[in-house]
Amino acid sequence: MKYLIVFALVIVAAVALPANDVELLKSAFVNELNSYNFAYEQSDGQKRDEEGTVKNIGSEDEAISVRGSFSFVADDGQTYTVTYVADENGFQPSAAHLPVGPTA
């Protein structure tokens, strides 16, 4: 589980690095026992918020549950936002611009 949190931190650091003339406007990170949360906002309109917790600690069903969202300004000038949950059921994104698959 520790490796997963460290991996997530490395990804956060890599994604949050400004490219070209993009400035980091806001940044926050909190790592607590069995949970974390972070957020950042850049001058190019990119934003991300995420929180993760460990569910069913110590049991056979132990799993990490992540909830978050990210926004970006696309080439068409529109801001797109995706909210998501990632847990034992996989990655589940939701956004107005994403196609909707068949329901079960």
Foldseek 3Di string as FASTA:
>chain_A
DVVVVVVVVVVVVVVQDDDDPKAWDDKDKDDDVQKIWIWTAIPQGKIKIKMKGWPPPPDPQIKIKMWMKIWGQDPVRDIWMWTWIAMPVGIDIDTPPDDDDDDD
